[in-house]
Amino acid sequence: MAPTKDKEKVLDEVLDDARIEYFLHIMPPEGVNADYHCLERAYRGMIARDFEVFLKLFDKAGRDINARNPQGQTFLQVISTHKSSDDYIALLNKHGAE
């Protein structure tokens, strides 16, 4: 008998504001900047429309859009090498990412 999946993958799920705000409270692993980690998790878990809402909340909370990972790169620098990141890059730029 083939294994069954417990949960079906959801694509293009629109998140409500409370779920988007949750990403601001995700704790990073030791040695990783909390602001960088929040940006990375939101990017991986959100469609661009929700990521834009997240960035507004991120800004309002006084978080650092130019936080760096342990290798010294900003989040914008990291995702600029990703194939389908143009919408996210534009949003980051709009919010002052360098």
N, C-alpha and C. Protein backbone atom coordinates (compact mmCIF):
# COMPACT_ATOMS: atom_id res chain seq x y z
N MET A 1 0.83 -1.17 0.00
CA MET A 1 0.00 0.00 0.00
C MET A 1 0.89 1.24 0.00
N ALA A 2 0.55 2.20 -0.85
CA ALA A 2 1.32 3.43 -0.96
C ALA A 2 1.04 4.34 0.24
N PRO A 3 2.07 5.07 0.69
CA PRO A 3 1.85 5.98 1.81
C PRO A 3 0.90 7.10 1.41
N THR A 4 0.12 7.58 2.35
CA THR A 4 -0.80 8.69 2.08
C THR A 4 -0.26 9.95 2.73
N LYS A 5 -0.63 11.07 2.16
CA LYS A 5 -0.22 12.35 2.72
C LYS A 5 -1.24 12.77 3.77
N ASP A 6 -0.74 13.30 4.87
CA ASP A 6 -1.62 13.80 5.91
C ASP A 6 -2.20 15.15 5.54
N LYS A 7 -1.45 15.91 4.77
CA LYS A 7 -1.84 17.27 4.47
C LYS A 7 -1.56 17.55 3.00
N GLU A 8 -2.51 18.12 2.32
CA GLU A 8 -2.32 18.45 0.92
C GLU A 8 -1.64 19.81 0.80
N LYS A 9 -0.74 19.96 -0.15
CA LYS A 9 -0.03 21.20 -0.36
C LYS A 9 -0.99 22.26 -0.87
N VAL A 10 -0.91 23.46 -0.29
CA VAL A 10 -1.78 24.56 -0.70
C VAL A 10 -0.92 25.57 -1.45
N LEU A 11 -1.33 25.90 -2.65
CA LEU A 11 -0.62 26.87 -3.46
C LEU A 11 -1.40 28.18 -3.51
N ASP A 12 -0.69 29.29 -3.48
CA ASP A 12 -1.29 30.62 -3.58
C ASP A 12 -2.33 30.89 -2.50
N GLU A 13 -2.09 30.36 -1.31
CA GLU A 13 -2.99 30.61 -0.19
C GLU A 13 -2.86 32.08 0.22
N VAL A 14 -3.99 32.75 0.39
CA VAL A 14 -3.99 34.12 0.86
C VAL A 14 -4.11 34.07 2.38
N LEU A 15 -3.18 34.72 3.06
CA LEU A 15 -3.15 34.69 4.51
C LEU A 15 -3.88 35.90 5.09
N ASP A 16 -4.51 35.72 6.24
CA ASP A 16 -5.13 36.87 6.90
C ASP A 16 -4.05 37.65 7.64
N ASP A 17 -4.39 38.87 8.10
CA ASP A 17 -3.40 39.74 8.73
C ASP A 17 -2.76 39.12 9.97
N ALA A 18 -3.55 38.38 10.76
CA ALA A 18 -3.00 37.76 11.97
C ALA A 18 -1.94 36.71 11.62
N ARG A 19 -2.20 35.96 10.58
CA ARG A 19 -1.24 34.94 10.15
C ARG A 19 0.03 35.58 9.59
N ILE A 20 -0.14 36.68 8.87
CA ILE A 20 1.02 37.40 8.32
C ILE A 20 1.84 37.98 9.47
N GLU A 21 1.17 38.58 10.45
CA GLU A 21 1.88 39.17 11.59
C GLU A 21 2.64 38.11 12.40
N TYR A 22 2.15 36.89 12.40
CA TYR A 22 2.81 35.79 13.11
C TYR A 22 4.29 35.69 12.69
N PHE A 23 4.58 35.95 11.43
CA PHE A 23 5.95 35.82 10.92
C PHE A 23 6.91 36.79 11.60
N LEU A 24 6.39 37.87 12.18
CA LEU A 24 7.24 38.82 12.90
C LEU A 24 7.75 38.24 14.22
N HIS A 25 7.11 37.20 14.70
CA HIS A 25 7.44 36.65 16.01
C HIS A 25 8.19 35.32 15.95
N ILE A 26 8.57 34.90 14.78
CA ILE A 26 9.31 33.65 14.63
C ILE A 26 10.74 33.87 15.14
N MET A 27 11.16 33.00 16.03
CA MET A 27 12.49 33.13 16.61
C MET A 27 13.54 32.46 15.71
N PRO A 28 14.68 33.12 15.57
CA PRO A 28 15.74 32.56 14.71
C PRO A 28 16.58 31.53 15.44
N PRO A 29 17.28 30.72 14.65
CA PRO A 29 18.26 29.82 15.28
C PRO A 29 19.41 30.67 15.86
N GLU A 30 20.13 30.11 16.76
CA GLU A 30 21.25 30.83 17.37
C GLU A 30 22.24 31.27 16.29
N GLY A 31 22.67 32.52 16.39
CA GLY A 31 23.65 33.06 15.46
C GLY A 31 23.06 33.69 14.21
N VAL A 32 21.72 33.70 14.09
CA VAL A 32 21.08 34.29 12.91
C VAL A 32 20.31 35.53 13.38
N ASN A 33 20.49 36.63 12.67
CA ASN A 33 19.81 37.87 12.99
C ASN A 33 18.30 37.66 12.90
N ALA A 34 17.56 38.11 13.92
CA ALA A 34 16.11 37.90 13.98
C ALA A 34 15.38 38.56 12.81
N ASP A 35 15.80 39.76 12.42
CA ASP A 35 15.13 40.45 11.31
C ASP A 35 15.38 39.73 9.98
N TYR A 36 16.60 39.29 9.78
CA TYR A 36 16.92 38.54 8.56
C TYR A 36 16.08 37.26 8.52
N HIS A 37 16.02 36.57 9.64
CA HIS A 37 15.28 35.31 9.70
C HIS A 37 13.79 35.52 9.40
N CYS A 38 13.20 36.58 9.94
CA CYS A 38 11.78 36.88 9.66
C CYS A 38 11.56 37.12 8.17
N LEU A 39 12.45 37.89 7.56
CA LEU A 39 12.33 38.15 6.11
C LEU A 39 12.40 36.85 5.32
N GLU A 40 13.35 36.02 5.67
CA GLU A 40 13.53 34.77 4.94
C GLU A 40 12.31 33.85 5.09
N ARG A 41 11.82 33.71 6.29
CA ARG A 41 10.66 32.84 6.52
C ARG A 41 9.41 33.37 5.82
N ALA A 42 9.22 34.70 5.86
CA ALA A 42 8.06 35.28 5.19
C ALA A 42 8.16 35.07 3.67
N TYR A 43 9.33 35.28 3.13
CA TYR A 43 9.56 35.08 1.70
C TYR A 43 9.25 33.64 1.28
N ARG A 44 9.69 32.70 2.08
CA ARG A 44 9.47 31.29 1.76
C ARG A 44 8.02 30.85 1.96
N GLY A 45 7.29 31.57 2.82
CA GLY A 45 5.94 31.13 3.16
C GLY A 45 4.81 31.96 2.59
N MET A 46 5.13 32.98 1.81
CA MET A 46 4.08 33.89 1.33
C MET A 46 4.17 34.15 -0.16
N ILE A 47 2.99 34.37 -0.75
CA ILE A 47 2.96 34.89 -2.11
C ILE A 47 3.28 36.38 -2.02
N ALA A 48 3.64 37.00 -3.14
CA ALA A 48 4.09 38.38 -3.14
C ALA A 48 3.06 39.34 -2.53
N ARG A 49 1.80 39.12 -2.78
CA ARG A 49 0.74 40.00 -2.25
C ARG A 49 0.78 40.00 -0.71
N ASP A 50 0.95 38.85 -0.12
CA ASP A 50 1.03 38.76 1.34
C ASP A 50 2.36 39.28 1.86
N PHE A 51 3.42 39.07 1.10
CA PHE A 51 4.74 39.56 1.49
C PHE A 51 4.74 41.08 1.57
N GLU A 52 3.98 41.72 0.70
CA GLU A 52 3.88 43.19 0.74
C GLU A 52 3.21 43.64 2.05
N VAL A 53 2.16 42.96 2.46
CA VAL A 53 1.51 43.27 3.74
C VAL A 53 2.50 43.03 4.88
N PHE A 54 3.23 41.94 4.82
CA PHE A 54 4.23 41.63 5.84
C PHE A 54 5.26 42.75 5.93
N LEU A 55 5.76 43.25 4.79
CA LEU A 55 6.78 44.29 4.82
C LEU A 55 6.26 45.57 5.45
N LYS A 56 5.00 45.89 5.26
CA LYS A 56 4.42 47.07 5.92
C LYS A 56 4.42 46.88 7.43
N LEU A 57 4.05 45.70 7.89
CA LEU A 57 4.07 45.41 9.33
C LEU A 57 5.50 45.39 9.86
N PHE A 58 6.41 44.85 9.07
CA PHE A 58 7.84 44.78 9.42
C PHE A 58 8.38 46.19 9.62
N ASP A 59 8.07 47.09 8.67
CA ASP A 59 8.50 48.50 8.78
C ASP A 59 7.90 49.16 10.01
N LYS A 60 6.60 48.97 10.19
CA LYS A 60 5.89 49.59 11.31
C LYS A 60 6.47 49.15 12.66
N ALA A 61 6.93 47.92 12.72
CA ALA A 61 7.53 47.38 13.95
C ALA A 61 8.97 47.87 14.16
N GLY A 62 9.50 48.65 13.20
CA GLY A 62 10.85 49.18 13.34
C GLY A 62 11.94 48.16 13.08
N ARG A 63 11.62 47.13 12.30
CA ARG A 63 12.59 46.08 12.01
C ARG A 63 13.56 46.54 10.91
N ASP A 64 14.69 45.88 10.78
CA ASP A 64 15.77 46.25 9.86
C ASP A 64 15.68 45.47 8.55
N ILE A 65 15.26 46.14 7.49
CA ILE A 65 15.12 45.51 6.17
C ILE A 65 16.48 45.13 5.58
N ASN A 66 17.55 45.73 6.11
CA ASN A 66 18.90 45.44 5.61
C ASN A 66 19.72 44.59 6.58
N ALA A 67 19.02 43.85 7.44
CA ALA A 67 19.70 42.93 8.36
C ALA A 67 20.49 41.92 7.53
N ARG A 68 21.55 41.42 8.11
CA ARG A 68 22.44 40.50 7.37
C ARG A 68 22.41 39.09 7.97
N ASN A 69 22.65 38.14 7.08
CA ASN A 69 22.75 36.74 7.51
C ASN A 69 24.16 36.50 8.07
N PRO A 70 24.44 35.32 8.61
CA PRO A 70 25.77 35.06 9.17
C PRO A 70 26.92 35.21 8.15
N GLN A 71 26.60 35.14 6.87
CA GLN A 71 27.63 35.31 5.83
C GLN A 71 27.82 36.77 5.44
N GLY A 72 27.07 37.69 6.08
CA GLY A 72 27.23 39.12 5.83
C GLY A 72 26.39 39.65 4.68
N GLN A 73 25.46 38.87 4.16
CA GLN A 73 24.63 39.30 3.03
C GLN A 73 23.28 39.80 3.52
N THR A 74 22.76 40.83 2.84
CA THR A 74 21.40 41.26 3.12
C THR A 74 20.45 40.26 2.45
N PHE A 75 19.19 40.30 2.86
CA PHE A 75 18.22 39.39 2.27
C PHE A 75 18.03 39.69 0.79
N LEU A 76 18.06 40.96 0.43
CA LEU A 76 17.95 41.34 -0.98
C LEU A 76 19.09 40.74 -1.80
N GLN A 77 20.29 40.78 -1.29
CA GLN A 77 21.43 40.20 -1.99
C GLN A 77 21.23 38.70 -2.21
N VAL A 78 20.71 38.02 -1.21
CA VAL A 78 20.52 36.57 -1.31
C VAL A 78 19.48 36.23 -2.35
N ILE A 79 18.32 36.88 -2.31
CA ILE A 79 17.26 36.47 -3.24
C ILE A 79 17.46 36.99 -4.66
N SER A 80 18.40 37.93 -4.85
CA SER A 80 18.61 38.40 -6.22
C SER A 80 19.15 37.32 -7.14
N THR A 81 19.58 36.21 -6.58
CA THR A 81 20.05 35.09 -7.40
C THR A 81 18.94 34.06 -7.66
N HIS A 82 17.78 34.26 -7.04
CA HIS A 82 16.68 33.31 -7.21
C HIS A 82 15.93 33.57 -8.51
N LYS A 83 15.54 32.52 -9.15
CA LYS A 83 14.92 32.58 -10.47
C LYS A 83 13.61 33.38 -10.52
N SER A 84 12.74 33.20 -9.56
CA SER A 84 11.40 33.82 -9.60
C SER A 84 11.20 34.82 -8.48
N SER A 85 12.18 35.67 -8.25
CA SER A 85 12.09 36.59 -7.12
C SER A 85 11.84 38.04 -7.51
N ASP A 86 11.58 38.32 -8.77
CA ASP A 86 11.45 39.72 -9.22
C ASP A 86 10.41 40.51 -8.44
N ASP A 87 9.24 39.94 -8.21
CA ASP A 87 8.19 40.66 -7.47
C ASP A 87 8.64 40.96 -6.04
N TYR A 88 9.32 40.02 -5.42
CA TYR A 88 9.79 40.20 -4.05
C TYR A 88 10.92 41.24 -4.00
N ILE A 89 11.79 41.22 -4.98
CA ILE A 89 12.87 42.20 -5.05
C ILE A 89 12.30 43.61 -5.18
N ALA A 90 11.30 43.77 -6.04
CA ALA A 90 10.66 45.08 -6.21
C ALA A 90 10.04 45.56 -4.89
N LEU A 91 9.40 44.66 -4.18
CA LEU A 91 8.80 45.02 -2.89
C LEU A 91 9.86 45.41 -1.86
N LEU A 92 10.95 44.65 -1.80
CA LEU A 92 12.03 44.96 -0.88
C LEU A 92 12.64 46.32 -1.21
N ASN A 93 12.86 46.59 -2.49
CA ASN A 93 13.40 47.87 -2.92
C ASN A 93 12.47 49.02 -2.52
N LYS A 94 11.19 48.80 -2.70
CA LYS A 94 10.16 49.81 -2.34
C LYS A 94 10.23 50.15 -0.85
N HIS A 95 10.64 49.19 -0.04
CA HIS A 95 10.72 49.38 1.41
C HIS A 95 12.13 49.75 1.88
N GLY A 96 13.02 50.09 0.94
CA GLY A 96 14.33 50.61 1.31
C GLY A 96 15.45 49.60 1.40
N ALA A 97 15.25 48.40 0.90
CA ALA A 97 16.32 47.39 0.96
C ALA A 97 17.47 47.78 0.04
N GLU A 98 18.66 47.44 0.48
CA GLU A 98 19.86 47.72 -0.31
C GLU A 98 20.60 46.44 -0.61
